[in-house]
C-alpha atoms as a PDB file:
ATOM      1  CA  MET A   1      16.720 109.486  43.541  1.00  0.00           C
ATOM      2  CA  MET A   2      16.659 105.972  42.110  1.00  0.00           C
ATOM      3  CA  LYS A   3      12.693 106.123  41.771  1.00  0.00           C
ATOM      4  CA  VAL A   4      13.326 109.744  39.631  1.00  0.00           C
ATOM      5  CA  PHE A   5      15.699 108.294  37.883  1.00  0.00           C
ATOM      6  CA  LEU A   6      13.200 104.870  36.793  1.00  0.00           C
ATOM      7  CA  ARG A   7      10.379 107.326  36.342  1.00  0.00           C
ATOM      8  CA  LYS A   8      12.628 109.563  33.975  1.00  0.00           C
ATOM      9  CA  ILE A   9      13.764 106.520  32.132  1.00  0.00           C
ATOM     10  CA  LEU A  10       9.768 105.016  31.714  1.00  0.00           C
ATOM     11  CA  VAL A  11       8.439 108.592  30.319  1.00  0.00           C
ATOM     12  CA  PHE A  12      11.459 107.990  27.627  1.00  0.00           C
ATOM     13  CA  PHE A  13      10.614 104.776  26.830  1.00  0.00           C
ATOM     14  CA  ILE A  14       7.154 104.737  26.437  1.00  0.00           C
ATOM     15  CA  PRO A  15       6.789 107.277  23.477  1.00  0.00           C
ATOM     16  CA  ILE A  16       9.607 104.841  21.244  1.00  0.00           C
ATOM     17  CA  ALA A  17       7.160 101.941  22.344  1.00  0.00           C
ATOM     18  CA  ILE A  18       4.109 103.226  21.362  1.00  0.00           C
ATOM     19  CA  VAL A  19       5.486 104.509  17.790  1.00  0.00           C
ATOM     20  CA  TRP A  20       7.536 101.219  17.709  1.00  0.00           C
ATOM     21  CA  GLY A  21       4.358  99.181  18.217  1.00  0.00           C
ATOM     22  CA  ALA A  22       2.053 101.425  15.834  1.00  0.00           C
ATOM     23  CA  LEU A  23       4.664 100.772  12.889  1.00  0.00           C
ATOM     24  CA  GLU A  24       5.099  97.414  13.509  1.00  0.00           C
ATOM     25  CA  TRP A  25       1.335  96.690  13.577  1.00  0.00           C
ATOM     26  CA  PHE A  26       1.319  98.829  10.508  1.00  0.00           C
ATOM     27  CA  TYR A  27       3.530  96.426   8.420  1.00  0.00           C
ATOM     28  CA  ARG A  28       2.327  93.637   9.873  1.00  0.00           C
ATOM     29  CA  THR A  29      -1.693  94.371   8.535  1.00  0.00           C
ATOM     30  CA  VAL A  30      -1.778  96.939   5.914  1.00  0.00           C
ATOM     31  CA  PRO A  31      -1.273  94.896   2.596  1.00  0.00           C
ATOM     32  CA  SER A  32       1.681  95.929   0.170  1.00  0.00           C
ATOM     33  CA  ASN A  33       3.409  94.741  -3.046  1.00  0.00           C
ATOM     34  CA  TYR A  34       4.685  91.600  -1.274  1.00  0.00           C
ATOM     35  CA  THR A  35       1.522  90.567   0.852  1.00  0.00           C
ATOM     36  CA  TYR A  36      -0.559  91.000  -2.651  1.00  0.00           C
ATOM     37  CA  LYS A  37       1.955  89.551  -5.090  1.00  0.00           C
ATOM     38  CA  HIS A  38       2.473  86.862  -2.875  1.00  0.00           C
ATOM     39  CA  LYS A  39      -2.005  86.023  -2.892  1.00  0.00           C
ATOM     40  CA  ILE A  40      -2.294  86.602  -6.148  1.00  0.00           C
ATOM     41  CA  ILE A  41       0.766  84.014  -7.092  1.00  0.00           C
ATOM     42  CA  LYS A  42      -1.283  81.470  -5.135  1.00  0.00           C
ATOM     43  CA  GLU A  43      -4.427  81.916  -5.946  1.00  0.00           C
ATOM     44  CA  ARG A  44      -3.659  81.610 -10.030  1.00  0.00           C
ATOM     45  CA  TYR A  45      -1.165  78.880  -9.764  1.00  0.00           C
ATOM     46  CA  ASN A  46      -3.186  76.886 -12.547  1.00  0.00           C
ATOM     47  CA  GLU A  47      -3.900  79.503 -14.698  1.00  0.00           C
ATOM     48  CA  ILE A  48      -0.378  81.033 -14.868  1.00  0.00           C
ATOM     49  CA  GLU A  49       1.512  80.324 -18.257  1.00  0.00           C
ATOM     50  CA  THR A  50       4.179  83.468 -18.369  1.00  0.00           C
ATOM     51  CA  LEU A  51       5.749  84.624 -15.147  1.00  0.00           C
ATOM     52  CA  ILE A  52       7.782  87.837 -15.100  1.00  0.00           C
ATOM     53  CA  LEU A  53      10.912  88.439 -12.858  1.00  0.00           C
ATOM     54  CA  GLY A  54      12.671  91.496 -12.521  1.00  0.00           C
ATOM     55  CA  ASP A  55      13.571  94.624 -10.742  1.00  0.00           C
ATOM     56  CA  SER A  56      11.771  97.878 -11.267  1.00  0.00           C
ATOM     57  CA  HIS A  57      12.722  97.383 -15.304  1.00  0.00           C
ATOM     58  CA  ALA A  58      10.405  94.783 -15.421  1.00  0.00           C
ATOM     59  CA  PHE A  59       7.477  96.050 -12.717  1.00  0.00           C
ATOM     60  CA  PHE A  60       7.096  99.198 -14.347  1.00  0.00           C
ATOM     61  CA  GLY A  61       7.720  97.784 -17.966  1.00  0.00           C
ATOM     62  CA  VAL A  62       6.364  94.624 -18.851  1.00  0.00           C
ATOM     63  CA  ASN A  63       2.509  94.783 -18.712  1.00  0.00           C
ATOM     64  CA  PRO A  64       0.940  91.733 -18.670  1.00  0.00           C
ATOM     65  CA  SER A  65      -2.383  93.266 -19.813  1.00  0.00           C
ATOM     66  CA  TYR A  66      -0.291  93.018 -23.104  1.00  0.00           C
ATOM     67  CA  ILE A  67       0.594  89.554 -23.116  1.00  0.00           C
ATOM     68  CA  ASP A  68      -1.192  86.732 -25.094  1.00  0.00           C
ATOM     69  CA  THR A  69      -0.948  84.340 -22.483  1.00  0.00           C
ATOM     70  CA  GLU A  70      -1.991  84.240 -18.711  1.00  0.00           C
ATOM     71  CA  THR A  71       0.731  86.185 -17.024  1.00  0.00           C
ATOM     72  CA  LEU A  72       1.406  87.262 -13.847  1.00  0.00           C
ATOM     73  CA  ASN A  73       4.598  90.114 -12.902  1.00  0.00           C
ATOM     74  CA  LEU A  74       6.270  88.698  -9.906  1.00  0.00           C
ATOM     75  CA  ALA A  75       9.125  91.614 -10.306  1.00  0.00           C
ATOM     76  CA  ASN A  76       9.695  93.845  -7.649  1.00  0.00           C
ATOM     77  CA  ILE A  77      11.850  97.350  -6.906  1.00  0.00           C
ATOM     78  CA  SER A  78      15.540  96.441  -6.823  1.00  0.00           C
ATOM     79  CA  GLN A  79      14.562  92.626  -6.745  1.00  0.00           C
ATOM     80  CA  SER A  80      17.769  91.125  -7.462  1.00  0.00           C
ATOM     81  CA  LEU A  81      18.108  87.820  -9.060  1.00  0.00           C
ATOM     82  CA  TYR A  82      19.254  86.208  -6.181  1.00  0.00           C
ATOM     83  CA  MET A  83      15.712  86.889  -5.096  1.00  0.00           C
ATOM     84  CA  ASP A  84      14.481  86.132  -8.598  1.00  0.00           C
ATOM     85  CA  GLN A  85      15.969  82.626  -8.147  1.00  0.00           C
ATOM     86  CA  LEU A  86      14.429  82.079  -4.487  1.00  0.00           C
ATOM     87  CA  LEU A  87      10.975  83.389  -5.948  1.00  0.00           C
ATOM     88  CA  PHE A  88      11.163  80.861  -9.072  1.00  0.00           C
ATOM     89  CA  GLU A  89      12.116  78.093  -6.788  1.00  0.00           C
ATOM     90  CA  LYS A  90       9.513  78.662  -4.269  1.00  0.00           C
ATOM     91  CA  HIS A  91       6.326  79.000  -6.335  1.00  0.00           C
ATOM     92  CA  GLU A  92       7.457  76.784  -9.859  1.00  0.00           C
ATOM     93  CA  ASP A  93       6.171  73.163  -8.758  1.00  0.00           C
ATOM     94  CA  SER A  94       3.077  75.062  -8.046  1.00  0.00           C
ATOM     95  CA  LEU A  95       2.687  76.062 -12.018  1.00  0.00           C
ATOM     96  CA  PRO A  96       1.387  73.302 -14.025  1.00  0.00           C
ATOM     97  CA  ASN A  97       0.918  75.969 -16.876  1.00  0.00           C
ATOM     98  CA  LEU A  98       4.096  77.493 -17.068  1.00  0.00           C
ATOM     99  CA  GLN A  99       4.706  77.920 -20.352  1.00  0.00           C
ATOM    100  CA  ASN A 100       7.354  81.068 -20.446  1.00  0.00           C
ATOM    101  CA  VAL A 101       9.584  83.196 -17.983  1.00  0.00           C
ATOM    102  CA  ILE A 102      10.580  86.739 -18.430  1.00  0.00           C
ATOM    103  CA  ILE A 103      13.000  87.814 -16.465  1.00  0.00           C
ATOM    104  CA  THR A 104      14.782  91.277 -17.124  1.00  0.00           C
ATOM    105  CA  VAL A 105      18.622  92.205 -16.922  1.00  0.00           C
ATOM    106  CA  GLY A 106      20.116  95.929 -16.810  1.00  0.00           C
ATOM    107  CA  TYR A 107      23.510  97.120 -16.976  1.00  0.00           C
ATOM    108  CA  TYR A 108      23.769  96.181 -12.980  1.00  0.00           C
ATOM    109  CA  SER A 109      21.915  93.120 -13.054  1.00  0.00           C
ATOM    110  CA  LEU A 110      24.646  90.645 -13.525  1.00  0.00           C
ATOM    111  CA  SER A 111      27.091  91.992 -11.159  1.00  0.00           C
ATOM    112  CA  LYS A 112      24.729  92.940  -8.109  1.00  0.00           C
ATOM    113  CA  LEU A 113      25.744  91.009  -5.086  1.00  0.00           C
ATOM    114  CA  LYS A 114      23.165  89.987  -2.638  1.00  0.00           C
ATOM    115  CA  ASN A 115      22.133  91.985   0.104  1.00  0.00           C
ATOM    116  CA  THR A 116      23.292  95.423  -0.621  1.00  0.00           C
ATOM    117  CA  LYS A 117      22.149  98.695  -1.449  1.00  0.00           C
ATOM    118  CA  GLY A 118      17.967  98.131  -1.520  1.00  0.00           C
ATOM    119  CA  GLU A 119      18.179  94.472  -0.234  1.00  0.00           C
ATOM    120  CA  ILE A 120      19.755  95.115   2.953  1.00  0.00           C
ATOM    121  CA  TRP A 121      15.859  96.210   4.452  1.00  0.00           C
ATOM    122  CA  ARG A 122      13.815  94.393   1.843  1.00  0.00           C
ATOM    123  CA  LYS A 123      14.980  91.518   2.359  1.00  0.00           C
ATOM    124  CA  TYR A 124      12.684  91.395   5.570  1.00  0.00           C
ATOM    125  CA  PHE A 125       9.749  91.619   3.709  1.00  0.00           C
ATOM    126  CA  TYR A 126      10.176  89.185   1.213  1.00  0.00           C
ATOM    127  CA  GLN A 127      10.314  86.847   4.546  1.00  0.00           C
ATOM    128  CA  ASN A 128       7.712  87.940   6.196  1.00  0.00           C
ATOM    129  CA  GLN A 129       5.428  88.885   3.666  1.00  0.00           C
ATOM    130  CA  MET A 130       6.088  86.193   0.842  1.00  0.00           C
ATOM    131  CA  ASP A 131       6.642  83.375   2.989  1.00  0.00           C
ATOM    132  CA  LEU A 132      10.751  83.068   1.710  1.00  0.00           C
ATOM    133  CA  GLU A 133      13.735  81.257   3.283  1.00  0.00           C
ATOM    134  CA  ILE A 134      16.253  84.056   3.223  1.00  0.00           C
ATOM    135  CA  PRO A 135      19.838  82.236   3.612  1.00  0.00           C
ATOM    136  CA  ILE A 136      21.244  85.383   4.085  1.00  0.00           C
ATOM    137  CA  ILE A 137      19.792  86.512   6.899  1.00  0.00           C
ATOM    138  CA  SER A 138      21.483  85.200  10.468  1.00  0.00           C
ATOM    139  CA  PRO A 139      18.731  83.298  12.495  1.00  0.00           C
ATOM    140  CA  TRP A 140      20.274  85.917  15.501  1.00  0.00           C
ATOM    141  CA  ASP A 141      18.951  89.055  13.280  1.00  0.00           C
ATOM    142  CA  VAL A 142      16.605  90.916  15.420  1.00  0.00           C
ATOM    143  CA  LYS A 143      15.085  92.663  12.085  1.00  0.00           C
ATOM    144  CA  GLN A 144      13.336  89.649  11.234  1.00  0.00           C
ATOM    145  CA  TYR A 145      10.833  89.849  13.860  1.00  0.00           C
ATOM    146  CA  SER A 146      10.726  93.043  13.749  1.00  0.00           C
ATOM    147  CA  LEU A 147       9.741  94.665  10.541  1.00  0.00           C
ATOM    148  CA  ALA A 148       9.262  98.512  12.358  1.00  0.00           C
ATOM    149  CA  LEU A 149      13.227  98.039  12.978  1.00  0.00           C
ATOM    150  CA  THR A 150      13.956  97.687   9.271  1.00  0.00           C
ATOM    151  CA  ARG A 151      13.610 100.813   8.144  1.00  0.00           C
ATOM    152  CA  ARG A 152      14.771 104.138   8.826  1.00  0.00           C
ATOM    153  CA  LEU A 153      11.948 105.866  10.912  1.00  0.00           C
ATOM    154  CA  ASN A 154      11.626 108.573   8.055  1.00  0.00           C
ATOM    155  CA  LYS A 155      10.791 106.523   5.391  1.00  0.00           C
ATOM    156  CA  SER A 156       8.698 104.716   7.453  1.00  0.00           C
ATOM    157  CA  ILE A 157       6.449 108.065   8.405  1.00  0.00           C
ATOM    158  CA  SER A 158       6.344 108.659   5.034  1.00  0.00           C
ATOM    159  CA  LEU A 159       5.081 105.307   3.691  1.00  0.00           C
ATOM    160  CA  VAL A 160       2.419 105.982   6.803  1.00  0.00           C
ATOM    161  CA  HIS A 161       1.548 109.113   5.493  1.00  0.00           C
ATOM    162  CA  ALA A 162       1.325 108.034   1.830  1.00  0.00           C
ATOM    163  CA  TYR A 163      -0.958 104.694   2.926  1.00  0.00           C
ATOM    164  CA  LEU A 164      -3.459 107.809   5.047  1.00  0.00           C
ATOM    165  CA  ASP A 165      -3.634 109.956   1.688  1.00  0.00           C
ATOM    166  CA  GLU A 166      -4.334 106.889  -0.901  1.00  0.00           C
ATOM    167  CA  GLY A 167      -5.683 104.516   1.503  1.00  0.00           C
ATOM    168  CA  THR A 168      -3.383 101.296   0.100  1.00  0.00           C
ATOM    169  CA  ILE A 169       0.643 101.219  -0.502  1.00  0.00           C
ATOM    170  CA  ILE A 170      -0.273  98.560  -3.033  1.00  0.00           C
ATOM    171  CA  GLY A 171       1.623 100.188  -6.640  1.00  0.00           C
ATOM    172  CA  CYS A 172       0.941  97.426  -8.427  1.00  0.00           C
ATOM    173  CA  ASP A 173      -3.063  95.947 -10.527  1.00  0.00           C
ATOM    174  CA  ALA A 174      -4.554  92.864 -10.281  1.00  0.00           C
ATOM    175  CA  LYS A 175      -1.821  91.321 -12.410  1.00  0.00           C
ATOM    176  CA  GLY A 176       1.451  92.365 -10.621  1.00  0.00           C
ATOM    177  CA  TRP A 177       2.171  95.309 -12.979  1.00  0.00           C
ATOM    178  CA  GLY A 178       3.612  98.625 -11.335  1.00  0.00           C
ATOM    179  CA  ASP A 179       0.639 100.908 -12.959  1.00  0.00           C
ATOM    180  CA  TYR A 180       1.691 104.401 -11.484  1.00  0.00           C
ATOM    181  CA  TYR A 181       4.601 105.498 -13.559  1.00  0.00           C
ATOM    182  CA  ASP A 182       1.755 107.124 -15.709  1.00  0.00           C
ATOM    183  CA  SER A 183       3.964 109.834 -18.072  1.00  0.00           C
ATOM    184  CA  THR A 184       6.921 111.455 -16.393  1.00  0.00           C
ATOM    185  CA  ASN A 185       8.408 112.330 -13.623  1.00  0.00           C
ATOM    186  CA  GLY A 186       8.589 116.016 -14.962  1.00  0.00           C
ATOM    187  CA  GLN A 187      12.817 116.064 -15.052  1.00  0.00           C
ATOM    188  CA  SER A 188      14.656 116.539 -17.768  1.00  0.00           C
ATOM    189  CA  LEU A 189      15.562 112.952 -19.079  1.00  0.00           C
ATOM    190  CA  ASP A 190      19.597 114.343 -19.989  1.00  0.00           C
ATOM    191  CA  VAL A 191      19.819 115.883 -16.758  1.00  0.00           C
ATOM    192  CA  GLU A 192      18.634 112.755 -14.834  1.00  0.00           C
ATOM    193  CA  SER A 193      20.669 109.991 -17.225  1.00  0.00           C
ATOM    194  CA  TRP A 194      24.018 111.150 -15.314  1.00  0.00           C
ATOM    195  CA  GLY A 195      22.954 110.612 -11.905  1.00  0.00           C
ATOM    196  CA  ALA A 196      21.022 107.562 -12.587  1.00  0.00           C
ATOM    197  CA  ALA A 197      24.236 106.085 -14.429  1.00  0.00           C
ATOM    198  CA  LYS A 198      25.948 106.801 -11.244  1.00  0.00           C
ATOM    199  CA  ARG A 199      24.052 104.903  -8.829  1.00  0.00           C
ATOM    200  CA  HIS A 200      24.048 102.216 -11.273  1.00  0.00           C
ATOM    201  CA  GLU A 201      27.420 101.730 -11.234  1.00  0.00           C
ATOM    202  CA  ASP A 202      29.277  98.979  -9.152  1.00  0.00           C
ATOM    203  CA  PHE A 203      32.834  98.718 -11.124  1.00  0.00           C
ATOM    204  CA  LEU A 204      32.091  95.163 -10.834  1.00  0.00           C
ATOM    205  CA  PHE A 205      32.654  92.522 -13.986  1.00  0.00           C
ATOM    206  CA  ASP A 206      32.151  89.438 -12.088  1.00  0.00           C
ATOM    207  CA  PHE A 207      28.916  88.061 -13.483  1.00  0.00           C
ATOM    208  CA  SER A 208      29.467  84.186 -12.375  1.00  0.00           C
ATOM    209  CA  GLU A 209      26.901  84.120  -9.254  1.00  0.00           C
ATOM    210  CA  ASN A 210      24.258  85.412 -11.232  1.00  0.00           C
ATOM    211  CA  ILE A 211      24.820  83.642 -14.132  1.00  0.00           C
ATOM    212  CA  GLY A 212      24.523  80.904 -12.061  1.00  0.00           C
ATOM    213  CA  ARG A 213      21.144  81.802 -10.582  1.00  0.00           C
ATOM    214  CA  LEU A 214      20.267  82.203 -14.222  1.00  0.00           C
ATOM    215  CA  GLN A 215      20.879  78.842 -15.365  1.00  0.00           C
ATOM    216  CA  ALA A 216      19.369  77.081 -11.946  1.00  0.00           C
ATOM    217  CA  ILE A 217      16.197  78.998 -13.630  1.00  0.00           C
ATOM    218  CA  ILE A 218      16.838  78.235 -17.082  1.00  0.00           C
ATOM    219  CA  ASP A 219      17.786  74.417 -16.141  1.00  0.00           C
ATOM    220  CA  ALA A 220      14.385  74.236 -14.181  1.00  0.00           C
ATOM    221  CA  CYS A 221      13.066  75.707 -17.003  1.00  0.00           C
ATOM    222  CA  LYS A 222      13.800  72.840 -19.219  1.00  0.00           C
ATOM    223  CA  LYS A 223      12.281  70.220 -17.032  1.00  0.00           C
ATOM    224  CA  LYS A 224       9.406  71.835 -17.430  1.00  0.00           C
ATOM    225  CA  ASN A 225       9.446  72.070 -21.179  1.00  0.00           C
ATOM    226  CA  CYS A 226       9.302  75.855 -20.195  1.00  0.00           C
ATOM    227  CA  ASN A 227      11.184  78.930 -22.500  1.00  0.00           C
ATOM    228  CA  VAL A 228      13.345  81.550 -20.725  1.00  0.00           C
ATOM    229  CA  TYR A 229      13.179  85.367 -22.488  1.00  0.00           C
ATOM    230  CA  ILE A 230      16.302  87.476 -20.975  1.00  0.00           C
ATOM    231  CA  VAL A 231      15.126  90.648 -21.863  1.00  0.00           C
ATOM    232  CA  ASP A 232      17.254  93.620 -21.560  1.00  0.00           C
ATOM    233  CA  MET A 233      14.938  96.765 -21.400  1.00  0.00           C
ATOM    234  CA  PRO A 234      14.637  99.984 -23.205  1.00  0.00           C
ATOM    235  CA  VAL A 235      16.836 102.746 -22.077  1.00  0.00           C
ATOM    236  CA  TYR A 236      17.268 106.369 -22.911  1.00  0.00           C
ATOM    237  CA  HIS A 237      20.970 107.347 -25.011  1.00  0.00           C
ATOM    238  CA  GLY A 238      21.563 109.713 -22.702  1.00  0.00           C
ATOM    239  CA  TYR A 239      21.514 107.203 -20.119  1.00  0.00           C
ATOM    240  CA  VAL A 240      23.566 105.081 -21.998  1.00  0.00           C
ATOM    241  CA  SER A 241      26.815 107.453 -22.769  1.00  0.00           C
ATOM    242  CA  TYR A 242      27.452 107.424 -19.224  1.00  0.00           C
ATOM    243  CA  LEU A 243      27.611 103.807 -18.582  1.00  0.00           C
ATOM    244  CA  ASN A 244      31.213 101.721 -19.066  1.00  0.00           C
ATOM    245  CA  PRO A 245      31.052 100.203 -22.133  1.00  0.00           C
ATOM    246  CA  ASP A 246      33.055  97.111 -21.753  1.00  0.00           C
ATOM    247  CA  LYS A 247      30.744  96.068 -18.954  1.00  0.00           C
ATOM    248  CA  LEU A 248      27.556  96.812 -21.740  1.00  0.00           C
ATOM    249  CA  GLU A 249      29.523  94.565 -23.697  1.00  0.00           C
ATOM    250  CA  LYS A 250      30.380  91.560 -21.715  1.00  0.00           C
ATOM    251  CA  VAL A 251      26.611  91.852 -20.675  1.00  0.00           C
ATOM    252  CA  THR A 252      25.396  91.707 -23.943  1.00  0.00           C
ATOM    253  CA  ASN A 253      27.609  89.006 -24.763  1.00  0.00           C
ATOM    254  CA  SER A 254      27.078  87.067 -21.093  1.00  0.00           C
ATOM    255  CA  CYS A 255      23.301  86.671 -22.124  1.00  0.00           C
ATOM    256  CA  LYS A 256      24.186  85.444 -25.835  1.00  0.00           C
ATOM    257  CA  VAL A 257      25.995  82.899 -24.332  1.00  0.00           C
ATOM    258  CA  LEU A 258      23.240  81.327 -22.248  1.00  0.00           C
ATOM    259  CA  GLU A 259      21.287  81.927 -25.426  1.00  0.00           C
ATOM    260  CA  ASN A 260      23.913  79.821 -27.379  1.00  0.00           C
ATOM    261  CA  ASP A 261      24.167  77.303 -24.691  1.00  0.00           C
ATOM    262  CA  ASN A 262      20.446  76.609 -24.130  1.00  0.00           C
ATOM    263  CA  GLU A 263      17.470  75.856 -26.670  1.00  0.00           C
ATOM    264  CA  ASN A 264      15.178  77.036 -24.189  1.00  0.00           C
ATOM    265  CA  VAL A 265      16.714  80.793 -24.039  1.00  0.00           C
ATOM    266  CA  ARG A 266      16.114  83.658 -25.815  1.00  0.00           C
ATOM    267  CA  TYR A 267      18.273  87.142 -25.415  1.00  0.00           C
ATOM    268  CA  ILE A 268      15.757  90.049 -26.561  1.00  0.00           C
ATOM    269  CA  ASN A 269      18.115  93.060 -26.263  1.00  0.00           C
ATOM    270  CA  LEU A 270      15.962  96.536 -26.641  1.00  0.00           C
ATOM    271  CA  ARG A 271      18.388  98.639 -24.989  1.00  0.00           C
ATOM    272  CA  GLN A 272      18.901 100.687 -27.823  1.00  0.00           C
ATOM    273  CA  ASP A 273      15.920  99.591 -29.715  1.00  0.00           C
ATOM    274  CA  TYR A 274      15.423 101.861 -33.343  1.00  0.00           C
ATOM    275  CA  ARG A 275      11.694 102.481 -32.105  1.00  0.00           C
ATOM    276  CA  ILE A 276      12.120 103.993 -29.047  1.00  0.00           C
ATOM    277  CA  GLU A 277      11.146 107.453 -28.364  1.00  0.00           C
ATOM    278  CA  ASP A 278      11.649 109.938 -25.474  1.00  0.00           C
ATOM    279  CA  SER A 279       8.035 109.835 -24.640  1.00  0.00           C
ATOM    280  CA  ASP A 280       8.199 106.095 -23.711  1.00  0.00           C
ATOM    281  CA  PHE A 281      10.524 107.202 -20.562  1.00  0.00           C
ATOM    282  CA  TYR A 282       9.544 108.077 -16.768  1.00  0.00           C
ATOM    283  CA  ASP A 283      12.930 108.840 -16.303  1.00  0.00           C
ATOM    284  CA  PRO A 284      16.239 107.314 -18.234  1.00  0.00           C
ATOM    285  CA  ASP A 285      15.903 103.891 -17.506  1.00  0.00           C
ATOM    286  CA  HIS A 286      12.184 103.504 -16.366  1.00  0.00           C
ATOM    287  CA  LEU A 287       9.257 103.158 -19.148  1.00  0.00           C
ATOM    288  CA  ASN A 288       6.200 104.874 -18.257  1.00  0.00           C
ATOM    289  CA  HIS A 289       2.633 103.655 -19.399  1.00  0.00           C
ATOM    290  CA  LYS A 290       2.703 104.228 -23.318  1.00  0.00           C
ATOM    291  CA  GLY A 291       6.499 102.548 -22.996  1.00  0.00           C
ATOM    292  CA  ALA A 292       5.047  99.606 -21.515  1.00  0.00           C
ATOM    293  CA  LYS A 293       2.188  99.170 -23.686  1.00  0.00           C
ATOM    294  CA  LYS A 294       4.308  99.823 -26.800  1.00  0.00           C
ATOM    295  CA  TYR A 295       6.869  97.160 -25.488  1.00  0.00           C
ATOM    296  CA  THR A 296       5.140  94.578 -23.912  1.00  0.00           C
ATOM    297  CA  GLN A 297       3.641  94.390 -27.261  1.00  0.00           C
ATOM    298  CA  ILE A 298       6.776  94.272 -29.079  1.00  0.00           C
ATOM    299  CA  ILE A 299       8.054  91.429 -26.505  1.00  0.00           C
ATOM    300  CA  ASN A 300       4.494  89.266 -27.109  1.00  0.00           C
ATOM    301  CA  GLN A 301       5.550  89.359 -30.893  1.00  0.00           C
ATOM    302  CA  LEU A 302       8.792  88.250 -30.296  1.00  0.00           C
ATOM    303  CA  ILE A 303       7.560  85.478 -27.552  1.00  0.00           C
ATOM    304  CA  SER A 304       5.430  84.264 -30.651  1.00  0.00           C
ATOM    305  CA  THR A 305       8.158  84.343 -33.408  1.00  0.00           C
ATOM    306  CA  SER A 306      10.305  82.109 -30.871  1.00  0.00           C
ATOM    307  CA  LYS A 307       7.292  79.996 -30.220  1.00  0.00           C
ATOM    308  CA  ASN A 308       6.766  78.882 -34.026  1.00  0.00           C
ATOM    309  CA  ASP A 309      10.268  78.693 -34.825  1.00  0.00           C
ATOM    310  CA  ARG A 310      10.957  76.191 -32.561  1.00  0.00           C
END
């Protein structure tokens, strides 16, 4: 009876072990946005003059091809200011020609807590694929040793299918810009605005931790004679209408304080810029290729003007 039981246990676990091993091999060997960006920043340390940090709004919305200086987009989907700071601190001493840091902020950026939402599983990829030391990962956390355990099985399987269909899971160009939001997602901006606003509402008004992270980056940039541009990216007016106006005002005022208190900081508020067109958007809070070109050129012009003014 014991042999039969053990045999059944073995039969049950063998397929699980095979699936786990295959996914682990996939995550350890197939290049991703994380491995690719880590590779290109190391290769371009001596060239980079402008570094872009931020979440998906920067990843899709700020295209280095339209910035005059040598630029790398180190932003990523759901990248928090916590990760922005860790990335900057890892690479700052290796960037001898850094002149500008562009950091995007949005409605939830300053209130976003570390280790929440998208960061819950992504932190392991920053650690394993970008060689970051992540203090929020416990040394007893087994997921840091197995990327196959970090995501739900259906998500991993979908990623494998995407790789088999496209031949890659890298979603950015050679300068780190997210290049697959080419036009629109086909949905109504007005219909999608409510859902996007609700997803981004955390009901938090304590910005102190993230203001501290921004200030740490700003202070390090001062020592390098480097300017910091805090950019509130364009969003669809319907999306803005569903956001808490008091929190929006606090975001604006907090960024203005950073600008006023630091001579190397400029706050660029494009949230409701007069040049915004519906055709600029992929969805209510992300620019498409057209919008990214348009607003990166605007940011580039403002950076040039800012330098002349200082």
